[in-house]
Amino acid sequence: MAEVATSTTPDLLLVVIDPVARRTDGESVRIAKDVLGAGARMKLCLPEGPEEFARALRRRGSRRPVVVGDDRTLLRAVAVLHRQRELAACALSVVPVGPQLDLARSLGVPSGAVAAARAALDGTERRMDLLVDDSDGVVLGTVGIPPLDDAEPEAAPGEPARPWRRTCRSLVRTLTAARPARPVPFVGPGPFRLRVEVDGETLVDLDQPVTGVSLAPGGAGLAEVEVRPVSVGAEASPLTAAGRTVTVSGAHFRYRADAVVSGPVRTRTWVVREGAWGLRLPD
C-alpha cells in the first residue's frame, strides 16, 4: 500500500483510493488528488485489497477520511467504521469514481470529481440514518427482496466485480434510469411467501403471496417498508408501514442491500440507527 504525504493547510485528510477506481478512471482519480492536495494536508493511501483498505481507516488517527471509489467503496468504509464503533465521531467524504455510482448520487454526492472533492474540503456534515441487520451488516440505501435481475452474487467487500458482469451492468445502467434510494417495487419471478413484521406488528403473513418487499431509511429514525402483494384481477395496492425494526422471514430468500446481494437466509432483521453516520455534502 503506497502512502504519500502532502501539506498546504492545517486540515488533515486521509485519502483512500480504491483500486477499482484507479483502474477504471485514472483521470478522475488524478483530478481528485490534485483538488484535495491543493486544499488540505493529506495522507494518500493506495490499498491493493480490502484488508489494506480497512487497516488504513483503522489507523487514520486524527485525519478525516475521504474515500475515492464507487458505491461499494463507500459501503466498505461505513462498514469498517461501524465495526470499529467509530461512525458517531467520524464524518466521511466520498469522491465517486468507478462502475457503480447510483447510491452516492442518491445521497446527494456530486458526480464530478472536482465538485465532490470540493465538497469533501468545504462541505457540511449531514447525519443520516443507517440500517443495521442482525449479522451486523449495514445498509445506506435500499433493501430489495428479491434482488434485482442485474444483481451479482455476493462478493467479499472490496473484491472487484468480474469484468463480464461489470460490462453487463454498465449496459443496463445506460438503458435505465438511476434507481432511487427510497423504496420502490421489486419485481421478481415469485410469487413469494414471506412474513414481514414492523415493530412487532405483522404487515403481511405467509398466507398472502407477494412479488416483492423493499425497505430503506426514511428519516426520523424510521424505516419505510413497502410490500407488493400478488394481484388477482385488478392490481393490488402496495402495503406500506414505517418503523424502527423490520423482520422478514419465510422460505429461504436472497436480498439486495445497496450494491451487494446476500443470502439465502430464512430470516433477517434490520434496525434503524438514527443519525448514525455522517457524510460531507455541498452546502
Protein backbone atom coordinates (compact mmCIF):
# COMPACT_ATOMS: atom_id res chain seq x y z
CA MET A 1 0.00 0.00 0.00
CA ALA A 2 1.60 3.25 -1.11
CA GLU A 3 1.38 6.31 1.16
CA VAL A 4 2.27 9.87 0.14
CA ALA A 5 2.12 12.95 2.39
CA THR A 6 1.46 16.48 1.15
CA SER A 7 0.78 19.66 3.10
CA THR A 8 -0.76 23.06 2.36
CA THR A 9 -3.29 23.92 5.14
CA PRO A 10 -3.94 22.74 8.72
CA ASP A 11 -6.85 20.47 7.70
CA LEU A 12 -5.79 16.81 7.92
CA LEU A 13 -7.20 14.27 5.48
CA LEU A 14 -6.74 10.56 4.91
CA VAL A 15 -7.46 9.98 1.21
CA VAL A 16 -8.02 6.30 0.43
CA ILE A 17 -8.28 5.44 -3.27
CA ASP A 18 -9.94 2.17 -4.19
CA PRO A 19 -8.01 0.02 -6.70
CA VAL A 20 -11.06 -0.38 -8.95
CA ALA A 21 -11.32 3.42 -9.23
CA ARG A 22 -7.65 3.62 -10.18
CA ARG A 23 -8.13 1.05 -12.92
CA THR A 24 -11.42 2.33 -14.34
CA ASP A 25 -10.91 6.11 -14.34
CA GLY A 26 -7.38 7.21 -13.59
CA GLU A 27 -8.02 10.74 -14.84
CA SER A 28 -10.82 11.39 -12.33
CA VAL A 29 -8.62 9.97 -9.58
CA ARG A 30 -5.79 12.33 -10.57
CA ILE A 31 -8.16 15.32 -10.56
CA ALA A 32 -9.49 14.38 -7.11
CA LYS A 33 -5.95 14.08 -5.72
CA ASP A 34 -4.97 17.47 -7.15
CA VAL A 35 -8.02 19.28 -5.73
CA LEU A 36 -7.74 17.64 -2.31
CA GLY A 37 -3.99 18.15 -2.12
CA ALA A 38 -4.34 21.84 -3.01
CA GLY A 39 -6.87 22.40 -0.22
CA ALA A 40 -5.61 20.38 2.73
CA ARG A 41 -2.79 18.41 4.26
CA MET A 42 -3.40 14.85 3.20
CA LYS A 43 -2.03 11.37 3.56
CA LEU A 44 -2.68 9.38 0.41
CA CYS A 45 -3.28 5.63 0.69
CA LEU A 46 -3.44 3.25 -2.28
CA PRO A 47 -4.62 -0.07 -0.85
CA GLU A 48 -4.47 -3.16 -3.03
CA GLY A 49 -7.31 -5.02 -1.31
CA PRO A 50 -10.00 -4.88 1.38
CA GLU A 51 -7.65 -5.72 4.26
CA GLU A 52 -5.31 -2.83 3.44
CA PHE A 53 -8.33 -0.57 2.93
CA ALA A 54 -9.70 -1.41 6.38
CA ARG A 55 -6.28 -1.08 8.02
CA ALA A 56 -5.81 2.40 6.55
CA LEU A 57 -9.12 3.56 8.05
CA ARG A 58 -8.39 1.99 11.41
CA ARG A 59 -5.02 3.76 11.60
CA ARG A 60 -6.21 7.17 10.40
CA GLY A 61 -5.62 8.85 13.75
CA SER A 62 -7.00 12.41 13.73
CA ARG A 63 -7.22 12.55 9.94
CA ARG A 64 -10.65 12.97 8.35
CA PRO A 65 -11.31 10.12 5.86
CA VAL A 66 -12.03 10.75 2.19
CA VAL A 67 -12.64 7.68 0.03
CA VAL A 68 -12.29 7.75 -3.75
CA GLY A 69 -14.30 4.98 -5.37
CA ASP A 70 -17.80 3.79 -6.19
CA ASP A 71 -20.78 2.70 -4.09
CA ARG A 72 -19.02 -0.43 -2.86
CA THR A 73 -16.12 1.69 -1.63
CA LEU A 74 -18.49 3.92 0.34
CA LEU A 75 -20.29 0.90 1.80
CA ARG A 76 -16.99 -0.72 2.75
CA ALA A 77 -15.83 2.43 4.54
CA VAL A 78 -19.08 2.74 6.51
CA ALA A 79 -18.93 -0.97 7.40
CA VAL A 80 -15.34 -0.69 8.68
CA LEU A 81 -16.12 2.35 10.82
CA HIS A 82 -19.32 0.68 12.08
CA ARG A 83 -17.40 -2.42 13.18
CA GLN A 84 -14.90 -0.17 14.96
CA ARG A 85 -17.82 1.72 16.57
CA GLU A 86 -16.36 4.98 15.23
CA LEU A 87 -19.18 6.21 12.99
CA ALA A 88 -20.57 8.60 15.57
CA ALA A 89 -17.34 10.61 15.76
CA CYS A 90 -16.38 10.47 12.09
CA ALA A 91 -17.75 12.29 9.04
CA LEU A 92 -16.96 10.55 5.76
CA SER A 93 -16.40 12.16 2.39
CA VAL A 94 -16.56 10.35 -0.94
CA VAL A 95 -15.41 11.22 -4.44
CA PRO A 96 -17.47 8.89 -6.65
CA VAL A 97 -15.29 7.14 -9.24
CA GLY A 98 -16.00 3.71 -10.68
CA PRO A 99 -18.68 1.50 -12.22
CA GLN A 100 -21.47 1.77 -9.58
CA LEU A 101 -22.44 5.30 -8.54
CA ASP A 102 -26.23 5.28 -8.09
CA LEU A 103 -26.13 5.20 -4.29
CA ALA A 104 -23.67 8.09 -3.97
CA ARG A 105 -25.77 10.21 -6.31
CA SER A 106 -28.97 9.41 -4.43
CA LEU A 107 -27.32 10.59 -1.21
CA GLY A 108 -26.51 13.96 -2.76
CA VAL A 109 -22.81 13.49 -3.56
CA PRO A 110 -21.79 15.50 -6.68
CA SER A 111 -20.98 13.26 -9.63
CA GLY A 112 -17.96 15.23 -10.87
CA ALA A 113 -14.53 14.70 -9.32
CA VAL A 114 -13.89 18.44 -8.85
CA ALA A 115 -17.25 19.18 -7.21
CA ALA A 116 -17.08 16.09 -4.98
CA ALA A 117 -13.53 16.89 -3.87
CA ARG A 118 -14.52 20.46 -3.05
CA ALA A 119 -17.47 19.17 -1.03
CA ALA A 120 -15.01 16.97 0.87
CA LEU A 121 -12.98 20.07 1.67
CA ASP A 122 -15.66 22.69 2.29
CA GLY A 123 -18.98 20.84 2.60
CA THR A 124 -21.19 20.40 5.62
CA GLU A 125 -21.63 17.17 7.53
CA ARG A 126 -25.11 15.67 7.22
CA ARG A 127 -26.07 12.98 9.70
CA MET A 128 -28.06 10.12 8.18
CA ASP A 129 -29.94 7.08 9.42
CA LEU A 130 -28.45 3.64 8.98
CA LEU A 131 -29.98 0.17 8.76
CA VAL A 132 -28.06 -2.48 10.69
CA ASP A 133 -29.04 -6.12 10.31
CA ASP A 134 -28.75 -8.99 12.77
CA SER A 135 -25.46 -10.10 11.19
CA ASP A 136 -24.01 -6.59 11.78
CA GLY A 137 -24.29 -5.67 8.11
CA VAL A 138 -25.06 -2.06 7.20
CA VAL A 139 -27.42 -0.57 4.62
CA LEU A 140 -27.28 3.07 3.49
CA GLY A 141 -29.95 2.98 0.80
CA THR A 142 -32.45 0.25 -0.12
CA VAL A 143 -33.00 -3.40 0.72
CA GLY A 144 -34.85 -5.26 -2.03
CA ILE A 145 -36.38 -8.75 -1.84
CA PRO A 146 -35.93 -10.47 -4.24
CA PRO A 147 -32.73 -8.95 -5.69
CA LEU A 148 -32.96 -7.09 -8.97
CA ASP A 149 -32.25 -9.20 -12.02
CA ASP A 150 -28.91 -7.48 -12.78
CA ALA A 151 -27.53 -8.15 -9.27
CA GLU A 152 -24.48 -10.34 -8.93
CA PRO A 153 -23.79 -12.93 -6.22
CA GLU A 154 -22.32 -11.58 -3.02
CA ALA A 155 -18.59 -10.88 -3.11
CA ALA A 156 -16.22 -10.08 -0.31
CA PRO A 157 -16.14 -6.32 0.37
CA GLY A 158 -13.56 -4.73 -1.90
CA GLU A 159 -13.45 -7.62 -4.35
CA PRO A 160 -13.78 -6.22 -7.90
CA ALA A 161 -16.67 -7.49 -9.99
CA ARG A 162 -15.93 -9.93 -12.78
CA PRO A 163 -15.31 -7.94 -15.99
CA TRP A 164 -18.14 -9.52 -17.95
CA ARG A 165 -20.60 -8.84 -15.12
CA ARG A 166 -19.39 -5.24 -14.88
CA THR A 167 -19.88 -4.80 -18.64
CA CYS A 168 -23.44 -6.13 -18.46
CA ARG A 169 -24.29 -3.88 -15.54
CA SER A 170 -22.85 -0.86 -17.35
CA LEU A 171 -25.05 -1.60 -20.36
CA VAL A 172 -28.12 -1.93 -18.14
CA ARG A 173 -27.36 1.41 -16.47
CA THR A 174 -27.16 3.15 -19.85
CA LEU A 175 -30.60 1.84 -20.77
CA THR A 176 -32.38 2.56 -17.49
CA ALA A 177 -32.71 5.50 -15.15
CA ALA A 178 -30.73 5.57 -11.93
CA ARG A 179 -32.57 3.77 -9.15
CA PRO A 180 -33.58 5.95 -6.20
CA ALA A 181 -32.59 5.04 -2.68
CA ARG A 182 -36.18 5.16 -1.40
CA PRO A 183 -38.39 2.05 -1.53
CA VAL A 184 -39.61 1.03 -4.98
CA PRO A 185 -41.41 -2.13 -6.18
CA PHE A 186 -39.10 -5.04 -6.91
CA VAL A 187 -40.43 -7.46 -9.50
CA GLY A 188 -39.12 -11.00 -9.44
CA PRO A 189 -40.09 -14.43 -10.71
CA GLY A 190 -42.20 -15.05 -7.49
CA PRO A 191 -44.67 -15.10 -6.01
CA PHE A 192 -43.03 -15.39 -2.60
CA ARG A 193 -44.45 -16.24 0.78
CA LEU A 194 -42.81 -14.08 3.42
CA ARG A 195 -43.78 -12.76 6.82
CA VAL A 196 -42.95 -9.06 7.20
CA GLU A 197 -43.13 -7.59 10.71
CA VAL A 198 -42.66 -3.91 11.51
CA ASP A 199 -42.07 -3.10 15.19
CA GLY A 200 -43.57 -6.47 16.09
CA GLU A 201 -46.76 -5.96 14.06
CA THR A 202 -47.36 -8.25 11.08
CA LEU A 203 -47.69 -6.32 7.82
CA VAL A 204 -48.05 -9.41 5.65
CA ASP A 205 -48.05 -13.10 6.59
CA LEU A 206 -47.16 -16.34 4.85
CA ASP A 207 -50.72 -16.90 3.62
CA GLN A 208 -50.52 -13.82 1.34
CA PRO A 209 -48.06 -14.26 -1.56
CA VAL A 210 -46.07 -11.19 -2.57
CA THR A 211 -43.98 -10.18 -5.57
CA GLY A 212 -41.51 -8.05 -3.65
CA VAL A 213 -40.53 -6.27 -0.47
CA SER A 214 -38.40 -3.14 -0.07
CA LEU A 215 -37.25 -1.06 2.86
CA ALA A 216 -34.99 1.94 3.34
CA PRO A 217 -34.14 4.56 5.95
CA GLY A 218 -36.91 7.13 5.79
CA GLY A 219 -35.66 9.75 8.23
CA ALA A 220 -36.62 10.49 11.84
CA GLY A 221 -35.25 7.11 12.88
CA LEU A 222 -37.80 5.09 10.91
CA ALA A 223 -37.56 2.63 8.04
CA GLU A 224 -40.08 2.89 5.22
CA VAL A 225 -41.39 -0.51 4.17
CA GLU A 226 -43.32 -1.44 1.06
CA VAL A 227 -44.78 -4.85 0.24
CA ARG A 228 -46.22 -5.69 -3.19
CA PRO A 229 -48.94 -8.37 -2.80
CA VAL A 230 -49.82 -10.63 -5.69
CA SER A 231 -52.72 -9.13 -7.62
CA VAL A 232 -55.82 -11.06 -8.62
CA GLY A 233 -57.69 -9.25 -11.36
CA ALA A 234 -57.14 -5.56 -10.64
CA GLU A 235 -53.66 -4.60 -9.50
CA ALA A 236 -53.31 -4.84 -5.72
CA SER A 237 -52.26 -1.73 -3.86
CA PRO A 238 -48.91 -1.91 -2.06
CA LEU A 239 -48.88 -2.34 1.71
CA THR A 240 -46.76 0.28 3.47
CA ALA A 241 -45.56 0.88 7.01
CA ALA A 242 -42.84 2.69 8.92
CA GLY A 243 -40.99 1.52 12.00
CA ARG A 244 -37.67 1.12 13.74
CA THR A 245 -37.36 -2.66 13.43
CA VAL A 246 -38.23 -4.76 10.37
CA THR A 247 -38.10 -8.56 10.30
CA VAL A 248 -38.58 -10.63 7.14
CA SER A 249 -38.88 -14.42 7.44
CA GLY A 250 -40.13 -17.40 5.47
CA ALA A 251 -38.65 -19.76 2.91
CA HIS A 252 -35.02 -19.17 2.03
CA PHE A 253 -34.70 -15.85 0.23
CA ARG A 254 -31.97 -13.67 -1.16
CA TYR A 255 -31.91 -9.89 -0.91
CA ARG A 256 -30.04 -6.94 -2.31
CA ALA A 257 -28.72 -4.43 0.22
CA ASP A 258 -27.43 -1.40 -1.67
CA ALA A 259 -24.88 -2.84 -4.12
CA VAL A 260 -24.49 -6.30 -2.57
CA VAL A 261 -26.63 -9.43 -2.91
CA SER A 262 -26.76 -11.68 0.17
CA GLY A 263 -28.39 -14.92 1.21
CA PRO A 264 -30.14 -17.22 1.06
CA VAL A 265 -31.45 -16.75 4.60
CA ARG A 266 -34.64 -17.80 6.37
CA THR A 267 -34.95 -14.65 8.45
CA ARG A 268 -33.31 -11.25 8.67
CA THR A 269 -33.97 -8.29 10.96
CA TRP A 270 -32.98 -4.69 10.24
CA VAL A 271 -32.90 -1.97 12.91
CA VAL A 272 -32.71 1.76 12.22
CA ARG A 273 -29.87 3.67 13.87
CA GLU A 274 -30.94 7.31 13.79
CA GLY A 275 -28.25 9.76 12.66
CA ALA A 276 -25.66 7.00 12.94
CA TRP A 277 -23.31 8.16 10.22
CA GLY A 278 -22.20 11.44 8.69
CA LEU A 279 -21.43 12.39 5.09
CA ARG A 280 -19.97 15.72 3.97
CA LEU A 281 -22.10 17.23 1.21
CA PRO A 282 -22.17 20.57 -0.61
CA ASP A 283 -23.73 23.43 1.36
